[in-house]
Amino acid sequence: MVSLLPRAPYVAYLPKPAPSLRPPQPAMSSSSAAAPAEAAAQPRKLPVLLFDVMDTLVRDPFYHHIPAFFKMSFKELLESKQPTSWSEFEKGLIDENELAKKFFNDGRSFDLEGLKECMVRAYEYIDGVEDILCCLKKNNYEMHAFANYPIWYKLIEDKLKLSKYLSWTFCSCRTEVFVKHISGDGMQMVHASTSSALQVTRVNYN
């Protein structure tokens, strides 16, 4: 079912925890007390799934809705916008007010709140994705967002409640870790402040 997604998830295989050296506790006669211990003993289900968000789970307004908001073509928008301001916003290096000041090369002002409202209207699950997430959740898969996106991920969450299915664990504005390059073999991530790089290998599974 995961293969139906526009972009397949990355898979994290976590090492098994080392056996505990703590001596065993005396058995408890109460069945109600035994239940939490049983649940705690259950191993984490693998693989852990890491999903990109935009145009994988949620429609990205960047290509159509944002140019329309500015009454431009997509090509005109790319030519007019300052080339690094959005990525700086995604990395959490600037806030939305700083973004508004430097979004365009010529420093023109625009309706920031209007842009956010435009984006919220555009945010929708990609067809069929919510059913897939629901199925994975029911089968107890652990899922995390792994995405380059600014603090406006909260706008997505407010509208679509993506956290019903996964955690926003690896969002670039929160972690300062930015996915620089994705290929069939894996992805390269860069820390926004230190510029140190980390290569993650893609794991295929059946």
C-alpha atoms as a PDB file:
ATOM      1  CA  MET A   1       0.000   0.000   0.000  1.00  0.00           C
ATOM      2  CA  VAL A   2       2.835   2.404   0.738  1.00  0.00           C
ATOM      3  CA  SER A   3       3.918   2.220  -2.903  1.00  0.00           C
ATOM      4  CA  LEU A   4       0.801   4.165  -3.867  1.00  0.00           C
ATOM      5  CA  LEU A   5       2.325   7.299  -2.347  1.00  0.00           C
ATOM      6  CA  PRO A   6       3.888   9.828  -4.750  1.00  0.00           C
ATOM      7  CA  ARG A   7       7.139   9.559  -2.785  1.00  0.00           C
ATOM      8  CA  ALA A   8       7.922   6.408  -0.818  1.00  0.00           C
ATOM      9  CA  PRO A   9       8.713   6.752   2.868  1.00  0.00           C
ATOM     10  CA  TYR A  10      12.192   6.329   4.237  1.00  0.00           C
ATOM     11  CA  VAL A  11      12.585   3.470   6.668  1.00  0.00           C
ATOM     12  CA  ALA A  12      14.452   3.614   9.953  1.00  0.00           C
ATOM     13  CA  TYR A  13      15.552   0.339  11.483  1.00  0.00           C
ATOM     14  CA  LEU A  14      16.350   0.986  15.135  1.00  0.00           C
ATOM     15  CA  PRO A  15      18.682  -1.280  17.117  1.00  0.00           C
ATOM     16  CA  LYS A  16      17.117  -3.642  19.604  1.00  0.00           C
ATOM     17  CA  PRO A  17      17.519  -2.438  23.196  1.00  0.00           C
ATOM     18  CA  ALA A  18      20.188  -4.174  25.249  1.00  0.00           C
ATOM     19  CA  PRO A  19      18.872  -6.652  27.799  1.00  0.00           C
ATOM     20  CA  SER A  20      18.293  -5.109  31.196  1.00  0.00           C
ATOM     21  CA  LEU A  21      20.779  -5.884  33.980  1.00  0.00           C
ATOM     22  CA  ARG A  22      18.197  -5.082  36.650  1.00  0.00           C
ATOM     23  CA  PRO A  23      17.139  -8.154  38.687  1.00  0.00           C
ATOM     24  CA  PRO A  24      13.599  -9.397  37.956  1.00  0.00           C
ATOM     25  CA  GLN A  25      10.842  -7.987  40.127  1.00  0.00           C
ATOM     26  CA  PRO A  26       8.606 -10.275  42.185  1.00  0.00           C
ATOM     27  CA  ALA A  27       5.505 -11.421  40.340  1.00  0.00           C
ATOM     28  CA  MET A  28       2.344  -9.450  41.087  1.00  0.00           C
ATOM     29  CA  SER A  29      -0.874 -11.310  41.681  1.00  0.00           C
ATOM     30  CA  SER A  30      -3.101  -8.524  40.380  1.00  0.00           C
ATOM     31  CA  SER A  31      -4.006  -8.984  36.703  1.00  0.00           C
ATOM     32  CA  SER A  32      -4.547  -5.247  36.364  1.00  0.00           C
ATOM     33  CA  ALA A  33      -0.993  -4.560  37.532  1.00  0.00           C
ATOM     34  CA  ALA A  34       0.379  -7.124  35.071  1.00  0.00           C
ATOM     35  CA  ALA A  35      -1.220  -5.458  32.037  1.00  0.00           C
ATOM     36  CA  PRO A  36       1.059  -2.364  31.932  1.00  0.00           C
ATOM     37  CA  ALA A  37       4.130  -4.582  32.339  1.00  0.00           C
ATOM     38  CA  GLU A  38       2.943  -6.733  29.430  1.00  0.00           C
ATOM     39  CA  ALA A  39       2.472  -3.648  27.252  1.00  0.00           C
ATOM     40  CA  ALA A  40       5.898  -2.292  28.195  1.00  0.00           C
ATOM     41  CA  ALA A  41       7.511  -5.608  27.263  1.00  0.00           C
ATOM     42  CA  GLN A  42       6.129  -5.520  23.723  1.00  0.00           C
ATOM     43  CA  PRO A  43       8.919  -4.648  21.231  1.00  0.00           C
ATOM     44  CA  ARG A  44       8.665  -1.605  18.981  1.00  0.00           C
ATOM     45  CA  LYS A  45       7.254  -2.568  15.599  1.00  0.00           C
ATOM     46  CA  LEU A  46       9.746  -2.142  12.783  1.00  0.00           C
ATOM     47  CA  PRO A  47      10.269  -0.579  10.347  1.00  0.00           C
ATOM     48  CA  VAL A  48       9.689   2.984  11.575  1.00  0.00           C
ATOM     49  CA  LEU A  49       8.335   5.063   8.665  1.00  0.00           C
ATOM     50  CA  LEU A  50       9.583   8.585   7.875  1.00  0.00           C
ATOM     51  CA  PHE A  51       7.374  10.576   5.492  1.00  0.00           C
ATOM     52  CA  ASP A  52       8.079  13.717   3.562  1.00  0.00           C
ATOM     53  CA  VAL A  53       4.953  15.879   3.830  1.00  0.00           C
ATOM     54  CA  MET A  54       4.534  18.291   0.942  1.00  0.00           C
ATOM     55  CA  ASP A  55       3.310  16.658  -2.267  1.00  0.00           C
ATOM     56  CA  THR A  56       3.686  13.266  -0.557  1.00  0.00           C
ATOM     57  CA  LEU A  57       0.945  13.498   2.064  1.00  0.00           C
ATOM     58  CA  VAL A  58      -0.343  17.065   1.598  1.00  0.00           C
ATOM     59  CA  ARG A  59      -0.746  19.173  -1.536  1.00  0.00           C
ATOM     60  CA  ASP A  60       1.939  21.856  -1.801  1.00  0.00           C
ATOM     61  CA  PRO A  61       0.491  25.309  -2.604  1.00  0.00           C
ATOM     62  CA  PHE A  62       3.846  26.623  -3.841  1.00  0.00           C
ATOM     63  CA  TYR A  63       3.455  25.742  -7.507  1.00  0.00           C
ATOM     64  CA  HIS A  64      -0.047  27.022  -8.241  1.00  0.00           C
ATOM     65  CA  HIS A  65      -1.743  28.792  -5.343  1.00  0.00           C
ATOM     66  CA  ILE A  66       1.125  31.060  -4.276  1.00  0.00           C
ATOM     67  CA  PRO A  67       1.856  32.360  -7.815  1.00  0.00           C
ATOM     68  CA  ALA A  68      -1.896  32.989  -8.231  1.00  0.00           C
ATOM     69  CA  PHE A  69      -1.955  34.891  -4.916  1.00  0.00           C
ATOM     70  CA  PHE A  70       0.760  37.223  -6.222  1.00  0.00           C
ATOM     71  CA  LYS A  71      -0.913  37.387  -9.669  1.00  0.00           C
ATOM     72  CA  MET A  72       2.193  35.926 -11.288  1.00  0.00           C
ATOM     73  CA  SER A  73       3.138  32.863 -13.257  1.00  0.00           C
ATOM     74  CA  PHE A  74       5.315  30.332 -11.472  1.00  0.00           C
ATOM     75  CA  LYS A  75       8.277  31.415 -13.627  1.00  0.00           C
ATOM     76  CA  GLU A  76       7.720  35.065 -12.697  1.00  0.00           C
ATOM     77  CA  LEU A  77       7.569  34.163  -9.019  1.00  0.00           C
ATOM     78  CA  LEU A  78      10.894  32.317  -9.189  1.00  0.00           C
ATOM     79  CA  GLU A  79      12.495  35.261 -10.954  1.00  0.00           C
ATOM     80  CA  SER A  80      11.101  37.792  -8.458  1.00  0.00           C
ATOM     81  CA  LYS A  81      11.662  36.073  -5.127  1.00  0.00           C
ATOM     82  CA  GLN A  82      14.871  36.264  -3.150  1.00  0.00           C
ATOM     83  CA  PRO A  83      16.533  32.861  -3.668  1.00  0.00           C
ATOM     84  CA  THR A  84      17.422  31.952  -0.061  1.00  0.00           C
ATOM     85  CA  SER A  85      14.685  33.526   2.095  1.00  0.00           C
ATOM     86  CA  TRP A  86      12.261  30.578   1.994  1.00  0.00           C
ATOM     87  CA  SER A  87      14.944  27.985   2.792  1.00  0.00           C
ATOM     88  CA  GLU A  88      16.128  30.179   5.689  1.00  0.00           C
ATOM     89  CA  PHE A  89      12.537  30.239   6.931  1.00  0.00           C
ATOM     90  CA  GLU A  90      12.309  26.456   6.591  1.00  0.00           C
ATOM     91  CA  LYS A  91      15.497  26.067   8.628  1.00  0.00           C
ATOM     92  CA  GLY A  92      14.178  28.316  11.392  1.00  0.00           C
ATOM     93  CA  LEU A  93      16.930  30.884  10.802  1.00  0.00           C
ATOM     94  CA  ILE A  94      14.414  33.709  10.233  1.00  0.00           C
ATOM     95  CA  ASP A  95      10.830  34.250  11.400  1.00  0.00           C
ATOM     96  CA  GLU A  96       7.814  35.077   9.249  1.00  0.00           C
ATOM     97  CA  ASN A  97       8.220  38.831   9.677  1.00  0.00           C
ATOM     98  CA  GLU A  98      11.786  38.644   8.394  1.00  0.00           C
ATOM     99  CA  LEU A  99      10.534  36.448   5.557  1.00  0.00           C
ATOM    100  CA  ALA A 100       8.042  39.124   4.555  1.00  0.00           C
ATOM    101  CA  LYS A 101      10.782  41.759   4.463  1.00  0.00           C
ATOM    102  CA  LYS A 102      13.115  39.776   2.224  1.00  0.00           C
ATOM    103  CA  PHE A 103      10.813  37.466   0.245  1.00  0.00           C
ATOM    104  CA  PHE A 104      11.150  39.520  -2.956  1.00  0.00           C
ATOM    105  CA  ASN A 105      14.398  40.678  -4.517  1.00  0.00           C
ATOM    106  CA  ASP A 106      13.174  44.273  -4.658  1.00  0.00           C
ATOM    107  CA  GLY A 107      11.958  44.293  -1.041  1.00  0.00           C
ATOM    108  CA  ARG A 108       8.324  44.972  -1.959  1.00  0.00           C
ATOM    109  CA  SER A 109       5.747  44.473   0.798  1.00  0.00           C
ATOM    110  CA  PHE A 110       2.808  42.069   0.580  1.00  0.00           C
ATOM    111  CA  ASP A 111      -0.107  40.814   2.661  1.00  0.00           C
ATOM    112  CA  LEU A 112       1.541  38.163   4.830  1.00  0.00           C
ATOM    113  CA  GLU A 113      -1.668  37.111   6.558  1.00  0.00           C
ATOM    114  CA  GLY A 114      -3.401  36.887   3.184  1.00  0.00           C
ATOM    115  CA  LEU A 115      -0.633  34.573   1.938  1.00  0.00           C
ATOM    116  CA  LYS A 116      -1.036  32.318   4.981  1.00  0.00           C
ATOM    117  CA  GLU A 117      -4.811  32.173   4.456  1.00  0.00           C
ATOM    118  CA  CYS A 118      -4.233  31.272   0.797  1.00  0.00           C
ATOM    119  CA  MET A 119      -1.940  28.427   1.830  1.00  0.00           C
ATOM    120  CA  VAL A 120      -4.355  27.112   4.441  1.00  0.00           C
ATOM    121  CA  ARG A 121      -7.131  26.981   1.849  1.00  0.00           C
ATOM    122  CA  ALA A 122      -4.822  24.968  -0.419  1.00  0.00           C
ATOM    123  CA  TYR A 123      -3.679  22.413   2.150  1.00  0.00           C
ATOM    124  CA  GLU A 124      -5.451  19.107   1.475  1.00  0.00           C
ATOM    125  CA  TYR A 125      -4.550  15.467   1.799  1.00  0.00           C
ATOM    126  CA  ILE A 126      -3.463  13.978  -1.514  1.00  0.00           C
ATOM    127  CA  ASP A 127      -6.177  11.630  -2.754  1.00  0.00           C
ATOM    128  CA  GLY A 128      -6.053   8.270  -0.999  1.00  0.00           C
ATOM    129  CA  VAL A 129      -3.258   9.205   1.406  1.00  0.00           C
ATOM    130  CA  GLU A 130      -5.377   9.512   4.529  1.00  0.00           C
ATOM    131  CA  ASP A 131      -6.748   5.987   3.996  1.00  0.00           C
ATOM    132  CA  ILE A 132      -3.177   4.683   3.733  1.00  0.00           C
ATOM    133  CA  LEU A 133      -2.090   6.504   6.899  1.00  0.00           C
ATOM    134  CA  CYS A 134      -5.148   5.215   8.734  1.00  0.00           C
ATOM    135  CA  CYS A 135      -4.347   1.635   7.679  1.00  0.00           C
ATOM    136  CA  LEU A 136      -0.707   1.964   8.765  1.00  0.00           C
ATOM    137  CA  LYS A 137      -1.780   3.429  12.087  1.00  0.00           C
ATOM    138  CA  LYS A 138      -4.242   0.588  12.707  1.00  0.00           C
ATOM    139  CA  ASN A 139      -1.404  -1.842  12.045  1.00  0.00           C
ATOM    140  CA  ASN A 140       0.678  -0.100  14.724  1.00  0.00           C
ATOM    141  CA  TYR A 141       3.387   1.336  12.497  1.00  0.00           C
ATOM    142  CA  GLU A 142       5.336   4.173  14.070  1.00  0.00           C
ATOM    143  CA  MET A 143       5.366   7.157  11.691  1.00  0.00           C
ATOM    144  CA  HIS A 144       7.169  10.493  11.707  1.00  0.00           C
ATOM    145  CA  ALA A 145       7.209  13.549   9.460  1.00  0.00           C
ATOM    146  CA  PHE A 146      10.645  14.118   7.932  1.00  0.00           C
ATOM    147  CA  ALA A 147      10.285  17.372   6.060  1.00  0.00           C
ATOM    148  CA  ASN A 148      11.829  20.692   5.114  1.00  0.00           C
ATOM    149  CA  TYR A 149       9.131  23.101   6.233  1.00  0.00           C
ATOM    150  CA  PRO A 150       8.840  26.295   8.286  1.00  0.00           C
ATOM    151  CA  ILE A 151       6.849  26.947  11.449  1.00  0.00           C
ATOM    152  CA  TRP A 152       3.787  27.083   9.208  1.00  0.00           C
ATOM    153  CA  TYR A 153       3.626  23.302   9.549  1.00  0.00           C
ATOM    154  CA  LYS A 154       1.322  24.250  12.439  1.00  0.00           C
ATOM    155  CA  LEU A 155      -1.149  25.619   9.870  1.00  0.00           C
ATOM    156  CA  ILE A 156      -1.207  22.187   8.220  1.00  0.00           C
ATOM    157  CA  GLU A 157      -1.683  20.523  11.577  1.00  0.00           C
ATOM    158  CA  ASP A 158      -4.512  22.879  12.585  1.00  0.00           C
ATOM    159  CA  LYS A 159      -6.410  22.096   9.401  1.00  0.00           C
ATOM    160  CA  LEU A 160      -5.646  18.428   8.667  1.00  0.00           C
ATOM    161  CA  LYS A 161      -4.713  17.045  12.114  1.00  0.00           C
ATOM    162  CA  LEU A 162      -1.850  15.049  10.625  1.00  0.00           C
ATOM    163  CA  SER A 163      -0.716  14.165  14.151  1.00  0.00           C
ATOM    164  CA  LYS A 164      -3.585  11.658  14.321  1.00  0.00           C
ATOM    165  CA  TYR A 165      -1.277   9.429  12.307  1.00  0.00           C
ATOM    166  CA  LEU A 166       2.299  10.596  12.795  1.00  0.00           C
ATOM    167  CA  SER A 167       4.522  12.839  14.847  1.00  0.00           C
ATOM    168  CA  TRP A 168       6.073  16.065  13.497  1.00  0.00           C
ATOM    169  CA  THR A 169       9.406  14.833  14.855  1.00  0.00           C
ATOM    170  CA  PHE A 170      11.809  15.771  12.075  1.00  0.00           C
ATOM    171  CA  CYS A 171      10.600  19.118  10.742  1.00  0.00           C
ATOM    172  CA  SER A 172      13.513  21.316   9.658  1.00  0.00           C
ATOM    173  CA  CYS A 173      12.319  24.433  11.497  1.00  0.00           C
ATOM    174  CA  ARG A 174      12.362  22.456  14.758  1.00  0.00           C
ATOM    175  CA  THR A 175      15.511  20.374  14.333  1.00  0.00           C
ATOM    176  CA  GLU A 176      17.620  22.720  12.135  1.00  0.00           C
ATOM    177  CA  VAL A 177      18.373  19.605  10.076  1.00  0.00           C
ATOM    178  CA  PHE A 178      17.634  20.272   6.423  1.00  0.00           C
ATOM    179  CA  VAL A 179      17.308  17.614   3.709  1.00  0.00           C
ATOM    180  CA  LYS A 180      19.622  18.857   0.980  1.00  0.00           C
ATOM    181  CA  HIS A 181      19.499  16.058  -1.561  1.00  0.00           C
ATOM    182  CA  ILE A 182      17.401  12.929  -2.132  1.00  0.00           C
ATOM    183  CA  SER A 183      18.297  10.154  -4.546  1.00  0.00           C
ATOM    184  CA  GLY A 184      17.424   6.527  -5.052  1.00  0.00           C
ATOM    185  CA  ASP A 185      20.257   5.533  -2.711  1.00  0.00           C
ATOM    186  CA  GLY A 186      19.447   7.830   0.190  1.00  0.00           C
ATOM    187  CA  MET A 187      19.510  11.440   1.256  1.00  0.00           C
ATOM    188  CA  GLN A 188      21.979  14.020   2.474  1.00  0.00           C
ATOM    189  CA  MET A 189      21.011  16.163   5.446  1.00  0.00           C
ATOM    190  CA  VAL A 190      22.736  19.364   6.553  1.00  0.00           C
ATOM    191  CA  HIS A 191      22.594  21.064   9.943  1.00  0.00           C
ATOM    192  CA  ALA A 192      21.460  24.658   9.342  1.00  0.00           C
ATOM    193  CA  SER A 193      23.745  26.299  11.915  1.00  0.00           C
ATOM    194  CA  THR A 194      26.929  24.233  11.639  1.00  0.00           C
ATOM    195  CA  SER A 195      26.632  23.088   7.982  1.00  0.00           C
ATOM    196  CA  SER A 196      27.771  19.614   9.053  1.00  0.00           C
ATOM    197  CA  ALA A 197      26.448  16.909   6.719  1.00  0.00           C
ATOM    198  CA  LEU A 198      24.951  13.481   7.379  1.00  0.00           C
ATOM    199  CA  GLN A 199      24.275  10.827   4.754  1.00  0.00           C
ATOM    200  CA  VAL A 200      21.293   8.501   5.310  1.00  0.00           C
ATOM    201  CA  THR A 201      21.023   5.325   3.255  1.00  0.00           C
ATOM    202  CA  ARG A 202      17.676   4.313   1.881  1.00  0.00           C
ATOM    203  CA  VAL A 203      16.399   0.935   3.056  1.00  0.00           C
ATOM    204  CA  ASN A 204      14.102  -1.069   0.797  1.00  0.00           C
ATOM    205  CA  TYR A 205      11.881  -3.713   2.292  1.00  0.00           C
ATOM    206  CA  ASN A 206       9.137  -6.114   1.241  1.00  0.00           C
END
